[in-house]
Amino acid sequence: MMLRNLELAFIRLHILYHSGKEEVFGMGLMEELARHGYTIGPGTLYPILSKMEKEHLLSCKTRTVAHKQRKYYRITAAGESLLEKMKAKIKELYMEVVEK
């Protein structure tokens, strides 16, 4: 359980990072996260995206793609601010745990 909680925190950071680089959508994020070794399904990912949107970390636009509605997410100013703060904490943790 603890491992999964930590992984979910890293997944949220990945979402912030990637949504700052380009618009992201659910299936694309699941594929990207899988490349990093995370297994996440729609039942876990979409509630995370929804919560991050409610927390004003992500903005969402809905578009029709191949006759289906697809939600695209981008990082907001609040999300960028949080990501910058977390980068410093990630670097500090990395230096302490990995570089030591």
PDB file of N, CA and C in Angstrom:
ATOM      1  N   MET A   1       0.824  -1.201   0.000  1.00  0.00           N
ATOM      2  CA  MET A   1       0.000   0.000   0.000  1.00  0.00           C
ATOM      3  C   MET A   1       0.868   1.264   0.000  1.00  0.00           C
ATOM      4  N   MET A   2       1.914   1.279   0.812  1.00  0.00           N
ATOM      5  CA  MET A   2       2.782   2.448   0.869  1.00  0.00           C
ATOM      6  C   MET A   2       3.465   2.673  -0.468  1.00  0.00           C
ATOM      7  N   LEU A   3       3.923   1.602  -1.113  1.00  0.00           N
ATOM      8  CA  LEU A   3       4.563   1.725  -2.419  1.00  0.00           C
ATOM      9  C   LEU A   3       3.612   2.386  -3.408  1.00  0.00           C
ATOM     10  N   ARG A   4       2.382   1.949  -3.430  1.00  0.00           N
ATOM     11  CA  ARG A   4       1.398   2.506  -4.376  1.00  0.00           C
ATOM     12  C   ARG A   4       1.156   3.990  -4.098  1.00  0.00           C
ATOM     13  N   ASN A   5       1.073   4.372  -2.833  1.00  0.00           N
ATOM     14  CA  ASN A   5       0.878   5.784  -2.486  1.00  0.00           C
ATOM     15  C   ASN A   5       2.039   6.629  -2.996  1.00  0.00           C
ATOM     16  N   LEU A   6       3.258   6.123  -2.842  1.00  0.00           N
ATOM     17  CA  LEU A   6       4.423   6.852  -3.338  1.00  0.00           C
ATOM     18  C   LEU A   6       4.410   6.917  -4.866  1.00  0.00           C
ATOM     19  N   GLU A   7       4.052   5.810  -5.507  1.00  0.00           N
ATOM     20  CA  GLU A   7       3.967   5.805  -6.967  1.00  0.00           C
ATOM     21  C   GLU A   7       2.932   6.812  -7.461  1.00  0.00           C
ATOM     22  N   LEU A   8       1.802   6.908  -6.777  1.00  0.00           N
ATOM     23  CA  LEU A   8       0.763   7.852  -7.183  1.00  0.00           C
ATOM     24  C   LEU A   8       1.260   9.292  -7.076  1.00  0.00           C
ATOM     25  N   ALA A   9       2.080   9.575  -6.088  1.00  0.00           N
ATOM     26  CA  ALA A   9       2.665  10.914  -5.967  1.00  0.00           C
ATOM     27  C   ALA A   9       3.592  11.182  -7.159  1.00  0.00           C
ATOM     28  N   PHE A  10       4.401  10.200  -7.525  1.00  0.00           N
ATOM     29  CA  PHE A  10       5.279  10.362  -8.682  1.00  0.00           C
ATOM     30  C   PHE A  10       4.469  10.496  -9.974  1.00  0.00           C
ATOM     31  N   ILE A  11       3.378   9.758 -10.074  1.00  0.00           N
ATOM     32  CA  ILE A  11       2.505   9.844 -11.250  1.00  0.00           C
ATOM     33  C   ILE A  11       1.955  11.266 -11.377  1.00  0.00           C
ATOM     34  N   ARG A  12       1.527  11.852 -10.273  1.00  0.00           N
ATOM     35  CA  ARG A  12       1.020  13.234 -10.304  1.00  0.00           C
ATOM     36  C   ARG A  12       2.111  14.202 -10.785  1.00  0.00           C
ATOM     37  N   LEU A  13       3.332  13.982 -10.348  1.00  0.00           N
ATOM     38  CA  LEU A  13       4.442  14.831 -10.802  1.00  0.00           C
ATOM     39  C   LEU A  13       4.687  14.654 -12.301  1.00  0.00           C
ATOM     40  N   HIS A  14       4.623  13.416 -12.771  1.00  0.00           N
ATOM     41  CA  HIS A  14       4.767  13.167 -14.208  1.00  0.00           C
ATOM     42  C   HIS A  14       3.678  13.901 -14.984  1.00  0.00           C
ATOM     43  N   ILE A  15       2.449  13.845 -14.483  1.00  0.00           N
ATOM     44  CA  ILE A  15       1.332  14.518 -15.161  1.00  0.00           C
ATOM     45  C   ILE A  15       1.605  16.018 -15.240  1.00  0.00           C
ATOM     46  N   LEU A  16       2.025  16.614 -14.132  1.00  0.00           N
ATOM     47  CA  LEU A  16       2.339  18.045 -14.153  1.00  0.00           C
ATOM     48  C   LEU A  16       3.446  18.335 -15.161  1.00  0.00           C
ATOM     49  N   TYR A  17       4.493  17.540 -15.120  1.00  0.00           N
ATOM     50  CA  TYR A  17       5.624  17.763 -16.023  1.00  0.00           C
ATOM     51  C   TYR A  17       5.194  17.676 -17.492  1.00  0.00           C
ATOM     52  N   HIS A  18       4.547  16.574 -17.856  1.00  0.00           N
ATOM     53  CA  HIS A  18       4.194  16.352 -19.263  1.00  0.00           C
ATOM     54  C   HIS A  18       3.134  17.337 -19.745  1.00  0.00           C
ATOM     55  N   SER A  19       2.206  17.718 -18.866  1.00  0.00           N
ATOM     56  CA  SER A  19       1.173  18.678 -19.276  1.00  0.00           C
ATOM     57  C   SER A  19       1.756  20.083 -19.418  1.00  0.00           C
ATOM     58  N   GLY A  20       2.946  20.289 -18.907  1.00  0.00           N
ATOM     59  CA  GLY A  20       3.649  21.550 -19.111  1.00  0.00           C
ATOM     60  C   GLY A  20       4.395  21.586 -20.427  1.00  0.00           C
ATOM     61  N   LYS A  21       4.676  20.428 -20.975  1.00  0.00           N
ATOM     62  CA  LYS A  21       5.393  20.325 -22.251  1.00  0.00           C
ATOM     63  C   LYS A  21       4.431  20.367 -23.439  1.00  0.00           C
ATOM     64  N   GLU A  22       3.260  19.749 -23.264  1.00  0.00           N
ATOM     65  CA  GLU A  22       2.258  19.688 -24.334  1.00  0.00           C
ATOM     66  C   GLU A  22       0.924  19.265 -23.746  1.00  0.00           C
ATOM     67  N   GLU A  23      -0.131  19.401 -24.531  1.00  0.00           N
ATOM     68  CA  GLU A  23      -1.429  18.910 -24.084  1.00  0.00           C
ATOM     69  C   GLU A  23      -1.332  17.394 -23.922  1.00  0.00           C
ATOM     70  N   VAL A  24      -1.978  16.886 -22.895  1.00  0.00           N
ATOM     71  CA  VAL A  24      -1.970  15.443 -22.655  1.00  0.00           C
ATOM     72  C   VAL A  24      -3.409  14.947 -22.533  1.00  0.00           C
ATOM     73  N   PHE A  25      -3.599  13.666 -22.782  1.00  0.00           N
ATOM     74  CA  PHE A  25      -4.915  13.047 -22.622  1.00  0.00           C
ATOM     75  C   PHE A  25      -4.715  11.686 -21.979  1.00  0.00           C
ATOM     76  N   GLY A  26      -5.785  11.120 -21.465  1.00  0.00           N
ATOM     77  CA  GLY A  26      -5.725   9.914 -20.653  1.00  0.00           C
ATOM     78  C   GLY A  26      -4.924   8.762 -21.229  1.00  0.00           C
ATOM     79  N   MET A  27      -5.303   8.286 -22.407  1.00  0.00           N
ATOM     80  CA  MET A  27      -4.633   7.118 -22.980  1.00  0.00           C
ATOM     81  C   MET A  27      -3.162   7.418 -23.257  1.00  0.00           C
ATOM     82  N   GLY A  28      -2.881   8.610 -23.742  1.00  0.00           N
ATOM     83  CA  GLY A  28      -1.499   8.997 -23.993  1.00  0.00           C
ATOM     84  C   GLY A  28      -0.685   9.014 -22.706  1.00  0.00           C
ATOM     85  N   LEU A  29      -1.297   9.496 -21.623  1.00  0.00           N
ATOM     86  CA  LEU A  29      -0.609   9.497 -20.330  1.00  0.00           C
ATOM     87  C   LEU A  29      -0.361   8.083 -19.823  1.00  0.00           C
ATOM     88  N   MET A  30      -1.341   7.203 -19.996  1.00  0.00           N
ATOM     89  CA  MET A  30      -1.148   5.813 -19.547  1.00  0.00           C
ATOM     90  C   MET A  30       0.022   5.177 -20.283  1.00  0.00           C
ATOM     91  N   GLU A  31       0.141   5.457 -21.580  1.00  0.00           N
ATOM     92  CA  GLU A  31       1.256   4.913 -22.362  1.00  0.00           C
ATOM     93  C   GLU A  31       2.583   5.510 -21.906  1.00  0.00           C
ATOM     94  N   GLU A  32       2.608   6.822 -21.688  1.00  0.00           N
ATOM     95  CA  GLU A  32       3.832   7.481 -21.235  1.00  0.00           C
ATOM     96  C   GLU A  32       4.246   6.967 -19.862  1.00  0.00           C
ATOM     97  N   LEU A  33       3.301   6.850 -18.960  1.00  0.00           N
ATOM     98  CA  LEU A  33       3.609   6.361 -17.614  1.00  0.00           C
ATOM     99  C   LEU A  33       4.093   4.914 -17.651  1.00  0.00           C
ATOM    100  N   ALA A  34       3.549   4.121 -18.553  1.00  0.00           N
ATOM    101  CA  ALA A  34       3.996   2.727 -18.693  1.00  0.00           C
ATOM    102  C   ALA A  34       5.463   2.678 -19.122  1.00  0.00           C
ATOM    103  N   ARG A  35       5.886   3.632 -19.948  1.00  0.00           N
ATOM    104  CA  ARG A  35       7.294   3.693 -20.350  1.00  0.00           C
ATOM    105  C   ARG A  35       8.208   3.927 -19.146  1.00  0.00           C
ATOM    106  N   HIS A  36       7.667   4.547 -18.108  1.00  0.00           N
ATOM    107  CA  HIS A  36       8.425   4.809 -16.884  1.00  0.00           C
ATOM    108  C   HIS A  36       8.230   3.706 -15.840  1.00  0.00           C
ATOM    109  N   GLY A  37       7.502   2.659 -16.199  1.00  0.00           N
ATOM    110  CA  GLY A  37       7.332   1.532 -15.300  1.00  0.00           C
ATOM    111  C   GLY A  37       6.114   1.584 -14.395  1.00  0.00           C
ATOM    112  N   TYR A  38       5.210   2.527 -14.646  1.00  0.00           N
ATOM    113  CA  TYR A  38       3.997   2.640 -13.832  1.00  0.00           C
ATOM    114  C   TYR A  38       2.843   1.953 -14.530  1.00  0.00           C
ATOM    115  N   THR A  39       2.130   1.135 -13.787  1.00  0.00           N
ATOM    116  CA  THR A  39       0.918   0.506 -14.300  1.00  0.00           C
ATOM    117  C   THR A  39      -0.252   1.272 -13.728  1.00  0.00           C
ATOM    118  N   ILE A  40      -1.017   1.912 -14.611  1.00  0.00           N
ATOM    119  CA  ILE A  40      -2.162   2.699 -14.161  1.00  0.00           C
ATOM    120  C   ILE A  40      -3.276   2.554 -15.186  1.00  0.00           C
ATOM    121  N   GLY A  41      -4.462   2.286 -14.699  1.00  0.00           N
ATOM    122  CA  GLY A  41      -5.611   2.130 -15.572  1.00  0.00           C
ATOM    123  C   GLY A  41      -6.493   3.360 -15.530  1.00  0.00           C
ATOM    124  N   PRO A  42      -7.490   3.383 -16.393  1.00  0.00           N
ATOM    125  CA  PRO A  42      -8.373   4.545 -16.453  1.00  0.00           C
ATOM    126  C   PRO A  42      -9.123   4.807 -15.146  1.00  0.00           C
ATOM    127  N   GLY A  43      -9.443   3.748 -14.411  1.00  0.00           N
ATOM    128  CA  GLY A  43     -10.172   3.906 -13.150  1.00  0.00           C
ATOM    129  C   GLY A  43      -9.370   4.617 -12.078  1.00  0.00           C
ATOM    130  N   THR A  44      -8.067   4.640 -12.237  1.00  0.00           N
ATOM    131  CA  THR A  44      -7.184   5.374 -11.315  1.00  0.00           C
ATOM    132  C   THR A  44      -6.795   6.722 -11.914  1.00  0.00           C
ATOM    133  N   LEU A  45      -6.449   6.726 -13.200  1.00  0.00           N
ATOM    134  CA  LEU A  45      -5.932   7.946 -13.821  1.00  0.00           C
ATOM    135  C   LEU A  45      -6.979   9.051 -13.920  1.00  0.00           C
ATOM    136  N   TYR A  46      -8.181   8.725 -14.411  1.00  0.00           N
ATOM    137  CA  TYR A  46      -9.162   9.787 -14.645  1.00  0.00           C
ATOM    138  C   TYR A  46      -9.599  10.495 -13.365  1.00  0.00           C
ATOM    139  N   PRO A  47      -9.765   9.791 -12.252  1.00  0.00           N
ATOM    140  CA  PRO A  47     -10.044  10.526 -11.000  1.00  0.00           C
ATOM    141  C   PRO A  47      -8.884  11.438 -10.582  1.00  0.00           C
ATOM    142  N   ILE A  48      -7.646  11.018 -10.835  1.00  0.00           N
ATOM    143  CA  ILE A  48      -6.492  11.869 -10.528  1.00  0.00           C
ATOM    144  C   ILE A  48      -6.554  13.139 -11.376  1.00  0.00           C
ATOM    145  N   LEU A  49      -6.800  12.985 -12.672  1.00  0.00           N
ATOM    146  CA  LEU A  49      -6.882  14.143 -13.554  1.00  0.00           C
ATOM    147  C   LEU A  49      -8.009  15.075 -13.130  1.00  0.00           C
ATOM    148  N   SER A  50      -9.149  14.497 -12.793  1.00  0.00           N
ATOM    149  CA  SER A  50     -10.291  15.297 -12.350  1.00  0.00           C
ATOM    150  C   SER A  50      -9.963  16.070 -11.078  1.00  0.00           C
ATOM    151  N   LYS A  51      -9.325  15.408 -10.127  1.00  0.00           N
ATOM    152  CA  LYS A  51      -8.961  16.075  -8.878  1.00  0.00           C
ATOM    153  C   LYS A  51      -7.939  17.180  -9.132  1.00  0.00           C
ATOM    154  N   MET A  52      -6.969  16.917  -9.985  1.00  0.00           N
ATOM    155  CA  MET A  52      -5.960  17.934 -10.291  1.00  0.00           C
ATOM    156  C   MET A  52      -6.596  19.140 -10.995  1.00  0.00           C
ATOM    157  N   GLU A  53      -7.626  18.884 -11.787  1.00  0.00           N
ATOM    158  CA  GLU A  53      -8.352  19.983 -12.426  1.00  0.00           C
ATOM    159  C   GLU A  53      -9.123  20.788 -11.370  1.00  0.00           C
ATOM    160  N   LYS A  54      -9.788  20.097 -10.450  1.00  0.00           N
ATOM    161  CA  LYS A  54     -10.527  20.780  -9.376  1.00  0.00           C
ATOM    162  C   LYS A  54      -9.599  21.581  -8.473  1.00  0.00           C
ATOM    163  N   GLU A  55      -8.362  21.123  -8.343  1.00  0.00           N
ATOM    164  CA  GLU A  55      -7.363  21.829  -7.525  1.00  0.00           C
ATOM    165  C   GLU A  55      -6.680  22.942  -8.324  1.00  0.00           C
ATOM    166  N   HIS A  56      -7.122  23.150  -9.566  1.00  0.00           N
ATOM    167  CA  HIS A  56      -6.605  24.212 -10.451  1.00  0.00           C
ATOM    168  C   HIS A  56      -5.142  24.007 -10.824  1.00  0.00           C
ATOM    169  N   LEU A  57      -4.714  22.744 -10.826  1.00  0.00           N
ATOM    170  CA  LEU A  57      -3.359  22.419 -11.264  1.00  0.00           C
ATOM    171  C   LEU A  57      -3.326  22.142 -12.760  1.00  0.00           C
ATOM    172  N   LEU A  58      -4.475  21.730 -13.294  1.00  0.00           N
ATOM    173  CA  LEU A  58      -4.627  21.443 -14.720  1.00  0.00           C
ATOM    174  C   LEU A  58      -5.859  22.153 -15.252  1.00  0.00           C
ATOM    175  N   SER A  59      -5.809  22.536 -16.519  1.00  0.00           N
ATOM    176  CA  SER A  59      -7.013  23.007 -17.206  1.00  0.00           C
ATOM    177  C   SER A  59      -7.386  21.933 -18.225  1.00  0.00           C
ATOM    178  N   CYS A  60      -8.646  21.924 -18.602  1.00  0.00           N
ATOM    179  CA  CYS A  60      -9.135  20.858 -19.482  1.00  0.00           C
ATOM    180  C   CYS A  60      -9.956  21.448 -20.615  1.00  0.00           C
ATOM    181  N   LYS A  61      -9.723  20.920 -21.822  1.00  0.00           N
ATOM    182  CA  LYS A  61     -10.527  21.255 -22.991  1.00  0.00           C
ATOM    183  C   LYS A  61     -10.988  19.949 -23.608  1.00  0.00           C
ATOM    184  N   THR A  62     -12.253  19.887 -23.988  1.00  0.00           N
ATOM    185  CA  THR A  62     -12.807  18.684 -24.599  1.00  0.00           C
ATOM    186  C   THR A  62     -12.903  18.900 -26.107  1.00  0.00           C
ATOM    187  N   ARG A  63     -12.447  17.895 -26.851  1.00  0.00           N
ATOM    188  CA  ARG A  63     -12.519  17.921 -28.309  1.00  0.00           C
ATOM    189  C   ARG A  63     -13.050  16.588 -28.804  1.00  0.00           C
ATOM    190  N   THR A  64     -13.617  16.603 -29.973  1.00  0.00           N
ATOM    191  CA  THR A  64     -14.084  15.372 -30.602  1.00  0.00           C
ATOM    192  C   THR A  64     -12.970  14.830 -31.491  1.00  0.00           C
ATOM    193  N   VAL A  65     -12.596  13.594 -31.227  1.00  0.00           N
ATOM    194  CA  VAL A  65     -11.569  12.906 -32.008  1.00  0.00           C
ATOM    195  C   VAL A  65     -12.144  11.562 -32.430  1.00  0.00           C
ATOM    196  N   ALA A  66     -12.220  11.332 -33.731  1.00  0.00           N
ATOM    197  CA  ALA A  66     -12.777  10.079 -34.273  1.00  0.00           C
ATOM    198  C   ALA A  66     -14.158   9.808 -33.674  1.00  0.00           C
ATOM    199  N   HIS A  67     -14.992  10.834 -33.651  1.00  0.00           N
ATOM    200  CA  HIS A  67     -16.378  10.765 -33.171  1.00  0.00           C
ATOM    201  C   HIS A  67     -16.497  10.472 -31.679  1.00  0.00           C
ATOM    202  N   LYS A  68     -15.424  10.663 -30.933  1.00  0.00           N
ATOM    203  CA  LYS A  68     -15.451  10.458 -29.481  1.00  0.00           C
ATOM    204  C   LYS A  68     -14.949  11.722 -28.798  1.00  0.00           C
ATOM    205  N   GLN A  69     -15.493  11.972 -27.612  1.00  0.00           N
ATOM    206  CA  GLN A  69     -15.043  13.107 -26.827  1.00  0.00           C
ATOM    207  C   GLN A  69     -13.727  12.750 -26.133  1.00  0.00           C
ATOM    208  N   ARG A  70     -12.732  13.623 -26.265  1.00  0.00           N
ATOM    209  CA  ARG A  70     -11.453  13.403 -25.607  1.00  0.00           C
ATOM    210  C   ARG A  70     -11.104  14.676 -24.838  1.00  0.00           C
ATOM    211  N   LYS A  71     -10.684  14.492 -23.584  1.00  0.00           N
ATOM    212  CA  LYS A  71     -10.291  15.621 -22.751  1.00  0.00           C
ATOM    213  C   LYS A  71      -8.777  15.795 -22.833  1.00  0.00           C
ATOM    214  N   TYR A  72      -8.383  17.029 -23.112  1.00  0.00           N
ATOM    215  CA  TYR A  72      -6.972  17.385 -23.169  1.00  0.00           C
ATOM    216  C   TYR A  72      -6.637  18.282 -21.981  1.00  0.00           C
ATOM    217  N   TYR A  73      -5.528  18.009 -21.354  1.00  0.00           N
ATOM    218  CA  TYR A  73      -5.128  18.734 -20.154  1.00  0.00           C
ATOM    219  C   TYR A  73      -3.835  19.489 -20.380  1.00  0.00           C
ATOM    220  N   ARG A  74      -3.756  20.675 -19.765  1.00  0.00           N
ATOM    221  CA  ARG A  74      -2.541  21.491 -19.755  1.00  0.00           C
ATOM    222  C   ARG A  74      -2.306  21.955 -18.319  1.00  0.00           C
ATOM    223  N   ILE A  75      -1.057  22.166 -17.991  1.00  0.00           N
ATOM    224  CA  ILE A  75      -0.711  22.671 -16.669  1.00  0.00           C
ATOM    225  C   ILE A  75      -1.190  24.132 -16.557  1.00  0.00           C
ATOM    226  N   THR A  76      -1.603  24.536 -15.377  1.00  0.00           N
ATOM    227  CA  THR A  76      -1.998  25.919 -15.118  1.00  0.00           C
ATOM    228  C   THR A  76      -0.833  26.639 -14.440  1.00  0.00           C
ATOM    229  N   ALA A  77      -1.007  27.924 -14.193  1.00  0.00           N
ATOM    230  CA  ALA A  77       0.018  28.684 -13.471  1.00  0.00           C
ATOM    231  C   ALA A  77       0.222  28.100 -12.074  1.00  0.00           C
ATOM    232  N   ALA A  78      -0.861  27.707 -11.425  1.00  0.00           N
ATOM    233  CA  ALA A  78      -0.739  27.097 -10.094  1.00  0.00           C
ATOM    234  C   ALA A  78      -0.004  25.766 -10.179  1.00  0.00           C
ATOM    235  N   GLY A  79      -0.264  24.997 -11.230  1.00  0.00           N
ATOM    236  CA  GLY A  79       0.440  23.737 -11.441  1.00  0.00           C
ATOM    237  C   GLY A  79       1.915  23.949 -11.704  1.00  0.00           C
ATOM    238  N   GLU A  80       2.231  24.977 -12.493  1.00  0.00           N
ATOM    239  CA  GLU A  80       3.634  25.294 -12.770  1.00  0.00           C
ATOM    240  C   GLU A  80       4.364  25.698 -11.496  1.00  0.00           C
ATOM    241  N   SER A  81       3.704  26.488 -10.669  1.00  0.00           N
ATOM    242  CA  SER A  81       4.298  26.924  -9.403  1.00  0.00           C
ATOM    243  C   SER A  81       4.578  25.724  -8.500  1.00  0.00           C
ATOM    244  N   LEU A  82       3.600  24.833  -8.403  1.00  0.00           N
ATOM    245  CA  LEU A  82       3.772  23.632  -7.573  1.00  0.00           C
ATOM    246  C   LEU A  82       4.907  22.768  -8.125  1.00  0.00           C
ATOM    247  N   LEU A  83       4.945  22.593  -9.443  1.00  0.00           N
ATOM    248  CA  LEU A  83       5.990  21.771 -10.047  1.00  0.00           C
ATOM    249  C   LEU A  83       7.365  22.357  -9.768  1.00  0.00           C
ATOM    250  N   GLU A  84       7.508  23.661  -9.862  1.00  0.00           N
ATOM    251  CA  GLU A  84       8.801  24.295  -9.574  1.00  0.00           C
ATOM    252  C   GLU A  84       9.221  24.046  -8.129  1.00  0.00           C
ATOM    253  N   LYS A  85       8.281  24.154  -7.196  1.00  0.00           N
ATOM    254  CA  LYS A  85       8.591  23.882  -5.788  1.00  0.00           C
ATOM    255  C   LYS A  85       9.003  22.426  -5.598  1.00  0.00           C
ATOM    256  N   MET A  86       8.304  21.537  -6.289  1.00  0.00           N
ATOM    257  CA  MET A  86       8.599  20.115  -6.149  1.00  0.00           C
ATOM    258  C   MET A  86       9.933  19.753  -6.798  1.00  0.00           C
ATOM    259  N   LYS A  87      10.319  20.447  -7.857  1.00  0.00           N
ATOM    260  CA  LYS A  87      11.620  20.186  -8.487  1.00  0.00           C
ATOM    261  C   LYS A  87      12.745  20.395  -7.479  1.00  0.00           C
ATOM    262  N   ALA A  88      12.648  21.441  -6.685  1.00  0.00           N
ATOM    263  CA  ALA A  88      13.676  21.700  -5.670  1.00  0.00           C
ATOM    264  C   ALA A  88      13.698  20.577  -4.643  1.00  0.00           C
ATOM    265  N   LYS A  89      12.518  20.115  -4.252  1.00  0.00           N
ATOM    266  CA  LYS A  89      12.446  19.033  -3.267  1.00  0.00           C
ATOM    267  C   LYS A  89      12.945  17.714  -3.859  1.00  0.00           C
ATOM    268  N   ILE A  90      12.629  17.482  -5.125  1.00  0.00           N
ATOM    269  CA  ILE A  90      13.101  16.273  -5.803  1.00  0.00           C
ATOM    270  C   ILE A  90      14.627  16.284  -5.880  1.00  0.00           C
ATOM    271  N   LYS A  91      15.173  17.426  -6.252  1.00  0.00           N
ATOM    272  CA  LYS A  91      16.628  17.543  -6.358  1.00  0.00           C
ATOM    273  C   LYS A  91      17.290  17.304  -5.005  1.00  0.00           C
ATOM    274  N   GLU A  92      16.728  17.901  -3.970  1.00  0.00           N
ATOM    275  CA  GLU A  92      17.289  17.725  -2.616  1.00  0.00           C
ATOM    276  C   GLU A  92      17.232  16.253  -2.201  1.00  0.00           C
ATOM    277  N   LEU A  93      16.102  15.605  -2.449  1.00  0.00           N
ATOM    278  CA  LEU A  93      15.950  14.191  -2.100  1.00  0.00           C
ATOM    279  C   LEU A  93      16.912  13.334  -2.911  1.00  0.00           C
ATOM    280  N   TYR A  94      17.032  13.623  -4.197  1.00  0.00           N
ATOM    281  CA  TYR A  94      17.955  12.888  -5.046  1.00  0.00           C
ATOM    282  C   TYR A  94      19.386  13.001  -4.531  1.00  0.00           C
ATOM    283  N   MET A  95      19.780  14.217  -4.202  1.00  0.00           N
ATOM    284  CA  MET A  95      21.137  14.427  -3.706  1.00  0.00           C
ATOM    285  C   MET A  95      21.375  13.660  -2.399  1.00  0.00           C
ATOM    286  N   GLU A  96      20.371  13.594  -1.580  1.00  0.00           N
ATOM    287  CA  GLU A  96      20.508  12.932  -0.285  1.00  0.00           C
ATOM    288  C   GLU A  96      20.464  11.396  -0.405  1.00  0.00           C
ATOM    289  N   VAL A  97      19.574  10.905  -1.230  1.00  0.00           N
ATOM    290  CA  VAL A  97      19.351   9.455  -1.307  1.00  0.00           C
ATOM    291  C   VAL A  97      20.231   8.791  -2.352  1.00  0.00           C
ATOM    292  N   VAL A  98      20.365   9.381  -3.508  1.00  0.00           N
ATOM    293  CA  VAL A  98      21.064   8.723  -4.623  1.00  0.00           C
ATOM    294  C   VAL A  98      22.537   9.101  -4.681  1.00  0.00           C
ATOM    295  N   GLU A  99      22.836  10.358  -4.537  1.00  0.00           N
ATOM    296  CA  GLU A  99      24.203  10.829  -4.705  1.00  0.00           C
ATOM    297  C   GLU A  99      25.076  10.602  -3.470  1.00  0.00           C
ATOM    298  N   LYS A 100      24.476  10.277  -2.366  1.00  0.00           N
ATOM    299  CA  LYS A 100      25.211  10.142  -1.111  1.00  0.00           C
ATOM    300  C   LYS A 100      26.165   8.982  -1.115  1.00  0.00           C
TER     301      LYS A 100
END
